[in-house]
Amino acid sequence: MKGHIMRTLISLTSAPARHWVGNGFHVSPVFSHMGEKRQTSPFLMFDYAMPQEFAPNFAAPRGVGEHPHRGFETVTIAYHGEVAHRDGSGAAGVIQAGDVQWMTAGAGTVHEEFHSEAFSRAGGLFEMAQIWVNLPRAHKNAPPRYQHLRSENIPVVNVDGGAIRLIAGSLNGINGAANTFTELNIWDVRVHAGASLTLDLPANHNLAVLVRQGDVLFNDTHRASAAQLAIFEREAGAIRIGNTGDAAAELILLSGVPIDEPIAAYGPFVMNTPDEIRESIELFRAGKLGALA
């Protein structure tokens, strides 16, 4: 630890009980809409579909049908399994293992998400994470857009003790794959067996880390295992992640400059005021957020 001031770990919690989203995504709500109270802004929500085996399915694919979003972005990371999607912009495709879907709802869009046809028929291990990223007031009405971040186009930075996959943000002068509206990092962190790594995030970033697999030691003092979330104080200092297991540990790191604006949230809409929520509902009911072809 010599030479590093360490960030304070302020909470370490286990993932809440899982629930079904549609019939295809069995998720634990790691944190939700009003998560800024837990120092997670600019991240609004984090649903984690822990590794789960699905039997082959020759009926209708499992998933979630057409539904709207407005005022934020959805980031879906595929670790195992595949998701087929369509949205109101006309974008469609399959998110394969290792890929990331970054959808900016902005002024409003609709989309659907289902297990892909190939995965449905084959079955197998399914693991996904979906993170909702807030948009500041100035960009809540940005035109909807879609970024399909293929696994091979997401940079990986080797560091002492492990490797960092840069979905968004930057590290050591290397930029992540996603274009973002505000300063933030979404990283897949791998810590080699028996190793440790030290990460120094900007002092003005909120910082949360979910353990996906393995047993780790945060800052040499706090033990954590799979599906546990560590939240650190917003302050100067590094965090140290030590792998106490005999296989690689995998974690998801979220950090970013908080958006210091009011939040009004209702279901799939996240705006700044209750009036904007009412407007969002009216727009959706009037069919003005688009429709799937």
C-alpha atoms as a PDB file:
ATOM      1  CA  MET A   1       0.000   0.000   0.000  1.00  0.00           C
ATOM      2  CA  LYS A   2       3.003   2.258   0.274  1.00  0.00           C
ATOM      3  CA  GLY A   3       2.706   5.377  -1.872  1.00  0.00           C
ATOM      4  CA  HIS A   4      -1.080   5.177  -2.246  1.00  0.00           C
ATOM      5  CA  ILE A   5      -3.786   7.016  -0.347  1.00  0.00           C
ATOM      6  CA  MET A   6      -6.764   4.652  -0.305  1.00  0.00           C
ATOM      7  CA  ARG A   7     -10.418   5.526  -0.889  1.00  0.00           C
ATOM      8  CA  THR A   8     -12.771   4.748   1.947  1.00  0.00           C
ATOM      9  CA  LEU A   9     -15.097   1.797   1.356  1.00  0.00           C
ATOM     10  CA  ILE A  10     -18.447   3.004   2.698  1.00  0.00           C
ATOM     11  CA  SER A  11     -20.657  -0.043   2.038  1.00  0.00           C
ATOM     12  CA  LEU A  12     -20.438  -3.669   0.971  1.00  0.00           C
ATOM     13  CA  THR A  13     -23.772  -5.309   0.205  1.00  0.00           C
ATOM     14  CA  SER A  14     -25.015  -8.556  -1.295  1.00  0.00           C
ATOM     15  CA  ALA A  15     -27.241  -8.462  -4.364  1.00  0.00           C
ATOM     16  CA  PRO A  16     -30.974  -8.402  -3.513  1.00  0.00           C
ATOM     17  CA  ALA A  17     -33.285 -11.295  -4.369  1.00  0.00           C
ATOM     18  CA  ARG A  18     -33.876 -11.851  -8.067  1.00  0.00           C
ATOM     19  CA  HIS A  19     -37.062 -11.205 -10.003  1.00  0.00           C
ATOM     20  CA  TRP A  20     -38.115 -11.835 -13.586  1.00  0.00           C
ATOM     21  CA  VAL A  21     -38.109  -9.063 -16.174  1.00  0.00           C
ATOM     22  CA  GLY A  22     -40.400 -10.462 -18.823  1.00  0.00           C
ATOM     23  CA  ASN A  23     -39.787 -14.198 -18.932  1.00  0.00           C
ATOM     24  CA  GLY A  24     -36.180 -14.133 -20.126  1.00  0.00           C
ATOM     25  CA  PHE A  25     -34.175 -12.078 -17.654  1.00  0.00           C
ATOM     26  CA  HIS A  26     -33.872 -13.253 -14.046  1.00  0.00           C
ATOM     27  CA  VAL A  27     -32.193 -10.244 -12.487  1.00  0.00           C
ATOM     28  CA  SER A  28     -31.066  -8.920  -9.149  1.00  0.00           C
ATOM     29  CA  PRO A  29     -31.613  -5.146  -8.762  1.00  0.00           C
ATOM     30  CA  VAL A  30     -28.122  -4.266  -7.520  1.00  0.00           C
ATOM     31  CA  PHE A  31     -29.324  -0.675  -7.222  1.00  0.00           C
ATOM     32  CA  SER A  32     -32.222   1.299  -8.667  1.00  0.00           C
ATOM     33  CA  HIS A  33     -33.562   4.698  -9.817  1.00  0.00           C
ATOM     34  CA  MET A  34     -32.810   6.696  -6.709  1.00  0.00           C
ATOM     35  CA  GLY A  35     -29.348   5.207  -6.387  1.00  0.00           C
ATOM     36  CA  GLU A  36     -27.733   8.625  -6.163  1.00  0.00           C
ATOM     37  CA  LYS A  37     -28.468   8.406  -2.447  1.00  0.00           C
ATOM     38  CA  ARG A  38     -25.947   5.563  -2.422  1.00  0.00           C
ATOM     39  CA  GLN A  39     -23.465   7.595  -4.446  1.00  0.00           C
ATOM     40  CA  THR A  40     -23.982   5.818  -7.764  1.00  0.00           C
ATOM     41  CA  SER A  41     -24.863   8.810 -10.003  1.00  0.00           C
ATOM     42  CA  PRO A  42     -24.603   9.111 -13.002  1.00  0.00           C
ATOM     43  CA  PHE A  43     -25.726   5.448 -12.935  1.00  0.00           C
ATOM     44  CA  LEU A  44     -29.435   5.121 -12.206  1.00  0.00           C
ATOM     45  CA  MET A  45     -30.000   1.402 -12.096  1.00  0.00           C
ATOM     46  CA  PHE A  46     -28.021  -1.822 -12.286  1.00  0.00           C
ATOM     47  CA  ASP A  47     -29.788  -5.127 -12.983  1.00  0.00           C
ATOM     48  CA  TYR A  48     -27.565  -8.195 -12.908  1.00  0.00           C
ATOM     49  CA  ALA A  49     -28.689 -11.494 -14.437  1.00  0.00           C
ATOM     50  CA  MET A  50     -26.399 -13.893 -12.602  1.00  0.00           C
ATOM     51  CA  PRO A  51     -25.139 -16.985 -14.462  1.00  0.00           C
ATOM     52  CA  GLN A  52     -28.095 -19.297 -15.084  1.00  0.00           C
ATOM     53  CA  GLU A  53     -28.653 -22.322 -17.314  1.00  0.00           C
ATOM     54  CA  PHE A  54     -31.584 -22.198 -19.738  1.00  0.00           C
ATOM     55  CA  ALA A  55     -32.926 -25.367 -21.340  1.00  0.00           C
ATOM     56  CA  PRO A  56     -33.421 -25.412 -25.117  1.00  0.00           C
ATOM     57  CA  ASN A  57     -36.632 -23.610 -26.015  1.00  0.00           C
ATOM     58  CA  PHE A  58     -38.464 -24.262 -29.277  1.00  0.00           C
ATOM     59  CA  ALA A  59     -41.472 -22.099 -28.429  1.00  0.00           C
ATOM     60  CA  ALA A  60     -41.558 -18.309 -28.605  1.00  0.00           C
ATOM     61  CA  PRO A  61     -38.241 -16.787 -27.480  1.00  0.00           C
ATOM     62  CA  ARG A  62     -38.037 -15.602 -23.886  1.00  0.00           C
ATOM     63  CA  GLY A  63     -37.647 -11.891 -23.232  1.00  0.00           C
ATOM     64  CA  VAL A  64     -39.404  -8.539 -23.015  1.00  0.00           C
ATOM     65  CA  GLY A  65     -41.709  -7.171 -25.695  1.00  0.00           C
ATOM     66  CA  GLU A  66     -42.005  -3.630 -27.010  1.00  0.00           C
ATOM     67  CA  HIS A  67     -41.620  -0.987 -24.291  1.00  0.00           C
ATOM     68  CA  PRO A  68     -40.521   2.669 -24.124  1.00  0.00           C
ATOM     69  CA  HIS A  69     -37.603   4.560 -22.587  1.00  0.00           C
ATOM     70  CA  ARG A  70     -36.927   8.287 -22.296  1.00  0.00           C
ATOM     71  CA  GLY A  71     -34.351  10.544 -20.646  1.00  0.00           C
ATOM     72  CA  PHE A  72     -31.426   8.141 -20.167  1.00  0.00           C
ATOM     73  CA  GLU A  73     -29.317   5.387 -21.766  1.00  0.00           C
ATOM     74  CA  THR A  74     -29.408   1.617 -21.361  1.00  0.00           C
ATOM     75  CA  VAL A  75     -26.163  -0.346 -21.435  1.00  0.00           C
ATOM     76  CA  THR A  76     -26.509  -4.119 -21.814  1.00  0.00           C
ATOM     77  CA  ILE A  77     -23.377  -6.243 -21.395  1.00  0.00           C
ATOM     78  CA  ALA A  78     -23.521  -9.861 -22.580  1.00  0.00           C
ATOM     79  CA  TYR A  79     -21.211 -12.220 -20.701  1.00  0.00           C
ATOM     80  CA  HIS A  80     -22.866 -15.512 -21.664  1.00  0.00           C
ATOM     81  CA  GLY A  81     -25.766 -16.104 -24.028  1.00  0.00           C
ATOM     82  CA  GLU A  82     -27.232 -13.877 -26.723  1.00  0.00           C
ATOM     83  CA  VAL A  83     -29.916 -11.199 -26.900  1.00  0.00           C
ATOM     84  CA  ALA A  84     -31.754 -10.147 -30.051  1.00  0.00           C
ATOM     85  CA  HIS A  85     -33.104  -6.609 -30.051  1.00  0.00           C
ATOM     86  CA  ARG A  86     -34.994  -4.101 -32.166  1.00  0.00           C
ATOM     87  CA  ASP A  87     -35.656  -0.430 -31.454  1.00  0.00           C
ATOM     88  CA  GLY A  88     -37.663   2.445 -32.858  1.00  0.00           C
ATOM     89  CA  SER A  89     -34.698   3.853 -34.780  1.00  0.00           C
ATOM     90  CA  GLY A  90     -34.721   0.781 -37.001  1.00  0.00           C
ATOM     91  CA  ALA A  91     -31.625  -0.707 -35.363  1.00  0.00           C
ATOM     92  CA  ALA A  92     -31.726  -4.463 -34.919  1.00  0.00           C
ATOM     93  CA  GLY A  93     -29.240  -7.193 -34.251  1.00  0.00           C
ATOM     94  CA  VAL A  94     -27.904  -9.807 -31.876  1.00  0.00           C
ATOM     95  CA  ILE A  95     -25.730  -9.002 -28.878  1.00  0.00           C
ATOM     96  CA  GLN A  96     -23.354 -11.939 -28.622  1.00  0.00           C
ATOM     97  CA  ALA A  97     -21.213 -12.957 -25.662  1.00  0.00           C
ATOM     98  CA  GLY A  98     -18.662 -10.205 -25.063  1.00  0.00           C
ATOM     99  CA  ASP A  99     -20.697  -7.555 -26.917  1.00  0.00           C
ATOM    100  CA  VAL A 100     -22.302  -4.453 -25.438  1.00  0.00           C
ATOM    101  CA  GLN A 101     -25.501  -2.693 -26.539  1.00  0.00           C
ATOM    102  CA  TRP A 102     -25.463   1.033 -25.706  1.00  0.00           C
ATOM    103  CA  MET A 103     -28.846   2.557 -26.475  1.00  0.00           C
ATOM    104  CA  THR A 104     -29.498   6.265 -25.987  1.00  0.00           C
ATOM    105  CA  ALA A 105     -33.219   6.707 -25.411  1.00  0.00           C
ATOM    106  CA  GLY A 106     -32.871  10.493 -25.153  1.00  0.00           C
ATOM    107  CA  ALA A 107     -36.051  12.165 -26.400  1.00  0.00           C
ATOM    108  CA  GLY A 108     -37.747   8.772 -26.440  1.00  0.00           C
ATOM    109  CA  THR A 109     -37.760   5.431 -28.189  1.00  0.00           C
ATOM    110  CA  VAL A 110     -39.224   1.950 -27.933  1.00  0.00           C
ATOM    111  CA  HIS A 111     -37.440  -1.386 -28.131  1.00  0.00           C
ATOM    112  CA  GLU A 112     -37.705  -5.088 -27.419  1.00  0.00           C
ATOM    113  CA  GLU A 113     -35.205  -7.634 -26.082  1.00  0.00           C
ATOM    114  CA  PHE A 114     -35.416 -11.425 -26.452  1.00  0.00           C
ATOM    115  CA  HIS A 115     -33.113 -14.389 -26.255  1.00  0.00           C
ATOM    116  CA  SER A 116     -31.731 -14.848 -29.750  1.00  0.00           C
ATOM    117  CA  GLU A 117     -33.177 -17.629 -31.888  1.00  0.00           C
ATOM    118  CA  ALA A 118     -29.856 -19.508 -31.837  1.00  0.00           C
ATOM    119  CA  PHE A 119     -29.526 -19.312 -28.059  1.00  0.00           C
ATOM    120  CA  SER A 120     -33.186 -20.233 -27.560  1.00  0.00           C
ATOM    121  CA  ARG A 121     -32.787 -23.420 -29.575  1.00  0.00           C
ATOM    122  CA  ALA A 122     -29.416 -24.423 -28.095  1.00  0.00           C
ATOM    123  CA  GLY A 123     -29.957 -23.285 -24.502  1.00  0.00           C
ATOM    124  CA  GLY A 124     -26.984 -22.862 -22.224  1.00  0.00           C
ATOM    125  CA  LEU A 125     -25.455 -20.461 -19.753  1.00  0.00           C
ATOM    126  CA  PHE A 126     -26.903 -16.942 -19.661  1.00  0.00           C
ATOM    127  CA  GLU A 127     -25.333 -13.967 -17.851  1.00  0.00           C
ATOM    128  CA  MET A 128     -26.040 -10.305 -18.529  1.00  0.00           C
ATOM    129  CA  ALA A 129     -25.786  -6.907 -16.880  1.00  0.00           C
ATOM    130  CA  GLN A 130     -27.955  -3.915 -17.716  1.00  0.00           C
ATOM    131  CA  ILE A 131     -27.006  -0.468 -16.452  1.00  0.00           C
ATOM    132  CA  TRP A 132     -29.082   2.675 -16.838  1.00  0.00           C
ATOM    133  CA  VAL A 133     -26.986   5.804 -17.342  1.00  0.00           C
ATOM    134  CA  ASN A 134     -28.602   9.151 -16.612  1.00  0.00           C
ATOM    135  CA  LEU A 135     -28.523  12.018 -19.088  1.00  0.00           C
ATOM    136  CA  PRO A 136     -28.126  15.601 -17.874  1.00  0.00           C
ATOM    137  CA  ARG A 137     -30.970  18.029 -18.488  1.00  0.00           C
ATOM    138  CA  ALA A 138     -29.139  19.487 -21.498  1.00  0.00           C
ATOM    139  CA  HIS A 139     -29.173  16.088 -23.268  1.00  0.00           C
ATOM    140  CA  LYS A 140     -32.412  14.448 -22.117  1.00  0.00           C
ATOM    141  CA  ASN A 141     -33.984  15.306 -25.470  1.00  0.00           C
ATOM    142  CA  ALA A 142     -31.028  14.125 -27.540  1.00  0.00           C
ATOM    143  CA  PRO A 143     -32.028  12.157 -30.642  1.00  0.00           C
ATOM    144  CA  PRO A 144     -32.173   8.421 -29.936  1.00  0.00           C
ATOM    145  CA  ARG A 145     -29.110   6.507 -31.092  1.00  0.00           C
ATOM    146  CA  TYR A 146     -27.651   3.024 -30.877  1.00  0.00           C
ATOM    147  CA  GLN A 147     -24.078   1.841 -30.426  1.00  0.00           C
ATOM    148  CA  HIS A 148     -23.327  -1.838 -30.962  1.00  0.00           C
ATOM    149  CA  LEU A 149     -19.957  -2.390 -29.304  1.00  0.00           C
ATOM    150  CA  ARG A 150     -18.589  -5.669 -30.601  1.00  0.00           C
ATOM    151  CA  SER A 151     -16.283  -7.583 -28.308  1.00  0.00           C
ATOM    152  CA  GLU A 152     -13.335  -7.339 -30.698  1.00  0.00           C
ATOM    153  CA  ASN A 153     -13.646  -3.535 -30.793  1.00  0.00           C
ATOM    154  CA  ILE A 154     -13.571  -3.038 -27.025  1.00  0.00           C
ATOM    155  CA  PRO A 155      -9.994  -2.230 -25.965  1.00  0.00           C
ATOM    156  CA  VAL A 156      -8.280  -4.236 -23.240  1.00  0.00           C
ATOM    157  CA  VAL A 157      -5.513  -2.626 -21.187  1.00  0.00           C
ATOM    158  CA  ASN A 158      -3.081  -4.922 -19.404  1.00  0.00           C
ATOM    159  CA  VAL A 159      -2.111  -3.661 -15.962  1.00  0.00           C
ATOM    160  CA  ASP A 160       0.049  -5.030 -13.186  1.00  0.00           C
ATOM    161  CA  GLY A 161      -1.987  -7.880 -11.712  1.00  0.00           C
ATOM    162  CA  GLY A 162      -4.699  -8.117 -14.336  1.00  0.00           C
ATOM    163  CA  ALA A 163      -6.467  -6.513 -17.280  1.00  0.00           C
ATOM    164  CA  ILE A 164      -9.156  -3.874 -17.814  1.00  0.00           C
ATOM    165  CA  ARG A 165     -11.729  -4.000 -20.644  1.00  0.00           C
ATOM    166  CA  LEU A 166     -12.732  -0.414 -21.440  1.00  0.00           C
ATOM    167  CA  ILE A 167     -16.412  -0.389 -22.382  1.00  0.00           C
ATOM    168  CA  ALA A 168     -16.499   3.355 -21.646  1.00  0.00           C
ATOM    169  CA  GLY A 169     -14.100   5.913 -20.221  1.00  0.00           C
ATOM    170  CA  SER A 170     -10.321   5.888 -20.434  1.00  0.00           C
ATOM    171  CA  LEU A 171      -7.246   4.420 -18.804  1.00  0.00           C
ATOM    172  CA  ASN A 172      -3.562   5.078 -19.427  1.00  0.00           C
ATOM    173  CA  GLY A 173      -4.349   7.275 -22.430  1.00  0.00           C
ATOM    174  CA  ILE A 174      -6.562   4.646 -24.090  1.00  0.00           C
ATOM    175  CA  ASN A 175     -10.228   5.481 -24.721  1.00  0.00           C
ATOM    176  CA  GLY A 176     -13.058   3.025 -24.270  1.00  0.00           C
ATOM    177  CA  ALA A 177     -15.380   1.897 -27.040  1.00  0.00           C
ATOM    178  CA  ALA A 178     -18.497   3.936 -26.201  1.00  0.00           C
ATOM    179  CA  ASN A 179     -19.257   7.568 -26.882  1.00  0.00           C
ATOM    180  CA  THR A 180     -20.760   9.115 -23.743  1.00  0.00           C
ATOM    181  CA  PHE A 181     -22.481  12.389 -22.866  1.00  0.00           C
ATOM    182  CA  THR A 182     -20.774  12.807 -19.489  1.00  0.00           C
ATOM    183  CA  GLU A 183     -17.490  11.708 -17.924  1.00  0.00           C
ATOM    184  CA  LEU A 184     -17.781   8.102 -16.752  1.00  0.00           C
ATOM    185  CA  ASN A 185     -16.118   4.702 -16.788  1.00  0.00           C
ATOM    186  CA  ILE A 186     -17.626   1.266 -17.281  1.00  0.00           C
ATOM    187  CA  TRP A 187     -14.861  -1.327 -17.028  1.00  0.00           C
ATOM    188  CA  ASP A 188     -14.677  -5.096 -16.893  1.00  0.00           C
ATOM    189  CA  VAL A 189     -11.866  -5.772 -14.428  1.00  0.00           C
ATOM    190  CA  ARG A 190      -9.955  -9.066 -14.338  1.00  0.00           C
ATOM    191  CA  VAL A 191      -7.566  -9.814 -11.476  1.00  0.00           C
ATOM    192  CA  HIS A 192      -5.226 -12.735 -12.057  1.00  0.00           C
ATOM    193  CA  ALA A 193      -5.240 -15.630  -9.588  1.00  0.00           C
ATOM    194  CA  GLY A 194      -3.217 -14.759  -6.509  1.00  0.00           C
ATOM    195  CA  ALA A 195      -2.538 -11.235  -7.779  1.00  0.00           C
ATOM    196  CA  SER A 196      -3.725  -7.764  -6.891  1.00  0.00           C
ATOM    197  CA  LEU A 197      -4.126  -4.517  -8.785  1.00  0.00           C
ATOM    198  CA  THR A 198      -4.443  -0.877  -7.792  1.00  0.00           C
ATOM    199  CA  LEU A 199      -6.743   1.580  -9.587  1.00  0.00           C
ATOM    200  CA  ASP A 200      -6.706   5.347  -9.068  1.00  0.00           C
ATOM    201  CA  LEU A 201      -9.960   6.942 -10.249  1.00  0.00           C
ATOM    202  CA  PRO A 202     -10.576  10.719 -10.428  1.00  0.00           C
ATOM    203  CA  ALA A 203     -11.412  12.233  -7.037  1.00  0.00           C
ATOM    204  CA  ASN A 204     -14.672  13.730  -8.387  1.00  0.00           C
ATOM    205  CA  HIS A 205     -16.018  10.330  -9.490  1.00  0.00           C
ATOM    206  CA  ASN A 206     -18.539   8.245  -7.615  1.00  0.00           C
ATOM    207  CA  LEU A 207     -17.243   4.682  -7.587  1.00  0.00           C
ATOM    208  CA  ALA A 208     -18.976   1.294  -7.293  1.00  0.00           C
ATOM    209  CA  VAL A 209     -17.588  -2.186  -8.009  1.00  0.00           C
ATOM    210  CA  LEU A 210     -19.587  -5.409  -8.385  1.00  0.00           C
ATOM    211  CA  VAL A 211     -17.845  -8.762  -7.997  1.00  0.00           C
ATOM    212  CA  ARG A 212     -19.040 -11.059 -10.798  1.00  0.00           C
ATOM    213  CA  GLN A 213     -16.981 -14.067  -9.872  1.00  0.00           C
ATOM    214  CA  GLY A 214     -14.216 -14.956  -7.464  1.00  0.00           C
ATOM    215  CA  ASP A 215     -13.215 -13.934  -3.967  1.00  0.00           C
ATOM    216  CA  VAL A 216     -11.450 -10.636  -3.486  1.00  0.00           C
ATOM    217  CA  LEU A 217     -10.070  -8.364  -0.818  1.00  0.00           C
ATOM    218  CA  PHE A 218     -10.733  -4.633  -1.179  1.00  0.00           C
ATOM    219  CA  ASN A 219      -8.029  -2.360   0.232  1.00  0.00           C
ATOM    220  CA  ASP A 220      -6.480  -5.368   1.997  1.00  0.00           C
ATOM    221  CA  THR A 221      -9.247  -5.391   4.621  1.00  0.00           C
ATOM    222  CA  HIS A 222     -12.740  -6.044   3.179  1.00  0.00           C
ATOM    223  CA  ARG A 223     -13.555  -9.513   1.834  1.00  0.00           C
ATOM    224  CA  ALA A 224     -16.125  -9.796  -0.955  1.00  0.00           C
ATOM    225  CA  SER A 225     -17.428 -12.555  -3.199  1.00  0.00           C
ATOM    226  CA  ALA A 226     -19.699 -13.004  -6.206  1.00  0.00           C
ATOM    227  CA  ALA A 227     -22.732 -10.691  -6.461  1.00  0.00           C
ATOM    228  CA  GLN A 228     -21.507  -8.290  -3.778  1.00  0.00           C
ATOM    229  CA  LEU A 229     -21.347  -4.545  -4.441  1.00  0.00           C
ATOM    230  CA  ALA A 230     -18.707  -2.249  -2.957  1.00  0.00           C
ATOM    231  CA  ILE A 231     -19.313   1.505  -2.899  1.00  0.00           C
ATOM    232  CA  PHE A 232     -16.453   3.878  -2.177  1.00  0.00           C
ATOM    233  CA  GLU A 233     -16.373   7.455  -0.932  1.00  0.00           C
ATOM    234  CA  ARG A 234     -16.085  10.227  -3.518  1.00  0.00           C
ATOM    235  CA  GLU A 235     -12.593  11.407  -2.613  1.00  0.00           C
ATOM    236  CA  ALA A 236      -8.999  11.277  -3.753  1.00  0.00           C
ATOM    237  CA  GLY A 237      -7.356   7.898  -3.447  1.00  0.00           C
ATOM    238  CA  ALA A 238      -6.882   4.517  -5.054  1.00  0.00           C
ATOM    239  CA  ILE A 239      -8.577   1.190  -4.494  1.00  0.00           C
ATOM    240  CA  ARG A 240      -6.739  -2.085  -4.272  1.00  0.00           C
ATOM    241  CA  ILE A 241      -8.341  -5.349  -5.381  1.00  0.00           C
ATOM    242  CA  GLY A 242      -6.614  -8.537  -4.304  1.00  0.00           C
ATOM    243  CA  ASN A 243      -7.638 -11.930  -5.647  1.00  0.00           C
ATOM    244  CA  THR A 244      -7.672 -14.471  -2.818  1.00  0.00           C
ATOM    245  CA  GLY A 245      -8.856 -17.343  -5.011  1.00  0.00           C
ATOM    246  CA  ASP A 246      -7.113 -19.810  -7.311  1.00  0.00           C
ATOM    247  CA  ALA A 247      -8.794 -18.585 -10.522  1.00  0.00           C
ATOM    248  CA  ALA A 248      -9.171 -15.162 -12.127  1.00  0.00           C
ATOM    249  CA  ALA A 249     -11.612 -12.793 -10.404  1.00  0.00           C
ATOM    250  CA  GLU A 250     -14.011 -10.772 -12.567  1.00  0.00           C
ATOM    251  CA  LEU A 251     -15.572  -7.456 -11.535  1.00  0.00           C
ATOM    252  CA  ILE A 252     -17.626  -4.627 -13.063  1.00  0.00           C
ATOM    253  CA  LEU A 253     -16.407  -1.131 -12.184  1.00  0.00           C
ATOM    254  CA  LEU A 254     -18.660   1.920 -12.528  1.00  0.00           C
ATOM    255  CA  SER A 255     -17.335   5.414 -11.906  1.00  0.00           C
ATOM    256  CA  GLY A 256     -18.369   8.865 -13.037  1.00  0.00           C
ATOM    257  CA  VAL A 257     -18.968  12.501 -12.288  1.00  0.00           C
ATOM    258  CA  PRO A 258     -22.365  12.722 -10.543  1.00  0.00           C
ATOM    259  CA  ILE A 259     -25.163  14.624 -12.283  1.00  0.00           C
ATOM    260  CA  ASP A 260     -26.298  17.112  -9.665  1.00  0.00           C
ATOM    261  CA  GLU A 261     -29.849  17.606 -10.937  1.00  0.00           C
ATOM    262  CA  PRO A 262     -33.306  16.591  -9.687  1.00  0.00           C
ATOM    263  CA  ILE A 263     -34.574  13.160 -10.717  1.00  0.00           C
ATOM    264  CA  ALA A 264     -38.201  12.348 -11.466  1.00  0.00           C
ATOM    265  CA  ALA A 265     -38.582   8.685 -12.365  1.00  0.00           C
ATOM    266  CA  TYR A 266     -41.553   6.552 -13.314  1.00  0.00           C
ATOM    267  CA  GLY A 267     -41.055   3.100 -14.800  1.00  0.00           C
ATOM    268  CA  PRO A 268     -39.128   3.481 -18.065  1.00  0.00           C
ATOM    269  CA  PHE A 269     -38.945   7.300 -17.893  1.00  0.00           C
ATOM    270  CA  VAL A 270     -36.282   9.285 -16.019  1.00  0.00           C
ATOM    271  CA  MET A 271     -36.630  13.045 -16.278  1.00  0.00           C
ATOM    272  CA  ASN A 272     -36.083  16.082 -14.031  1.00  0.00           C
ATOM    273  CA  THR A 273     -39.657  17.034 -13.054  1.00  0.00           C
ATOM    274  CA  PRO A 274     -43.038  15.349 -12.541  1.00  0.00           C
ATOM    275  CA  ASP A 275     -44.426  17.447 -15.420  1.00  0.00           C
ATOM    276  CA  GLU A 276     -41.840  15.912 -17.733  1.00  0.00           C
ATOM    277  CA  ILE A 277     -42.898  12.450 -16.586  1.00  0.00           C
ATOM    278  CA  ARG A 278     -46.527  13.251 -17.401  1.00  0.00           C
ATOM    279  CA  GLU A 279     -45.406  14.545 -20.793  1.00  0.00           C
ATOM    280  CA  SER A 280     -43.467  11.317 -21.409  1.00  0.00           C
ATOM    281  CA  ILE A 281     -46.513   9.186 -20.642  1.00  0.00           C
ATOM    282  CA  GLU A 282     -48.678  11.294 -22.963  1.00  0.00           C
ATOM    283  CA  LEU A 283     -46.115  11.078 -25.770  1.00  0.00           C
ATOM    284  CA  PHE A 284     -45.957   7.308 -25.439  1.00  0.00           C
ATOM    285  CA  ARG A 285     -49.733   6.913 -25.380  1.00  0.00           C
ATOM    286  CA  ALA A 286     -49.975   9.114 -28.483  1.00  0.00           C
ATOM    287  CA  GLY A 287     -47.450   6.910 -30.295  1.00  0.00           C
ATOM    288  CA  LYS A 288     -44.912   9.736 -30.541  1.00  0.00           C
ATOM    289  CA  LEU A 289     -41.991   7.758 -29.112  1.00  0.00           C
ATOM    290  CA  GLY A 290     -41.964   5.587 -32.206  1.00  0.00           C
ATOM    291  CA  ALA A 291     -42.941   2.010 -32.878  1.00  0.00           C
ATOM    292  CA  LEU A 292     -41.303  -1.185 -34.014  1.00  0.00           C
ATOM    293  CA  ALA A 293     -41.766  -1.945 -37.673  1.00  0.00           C
END
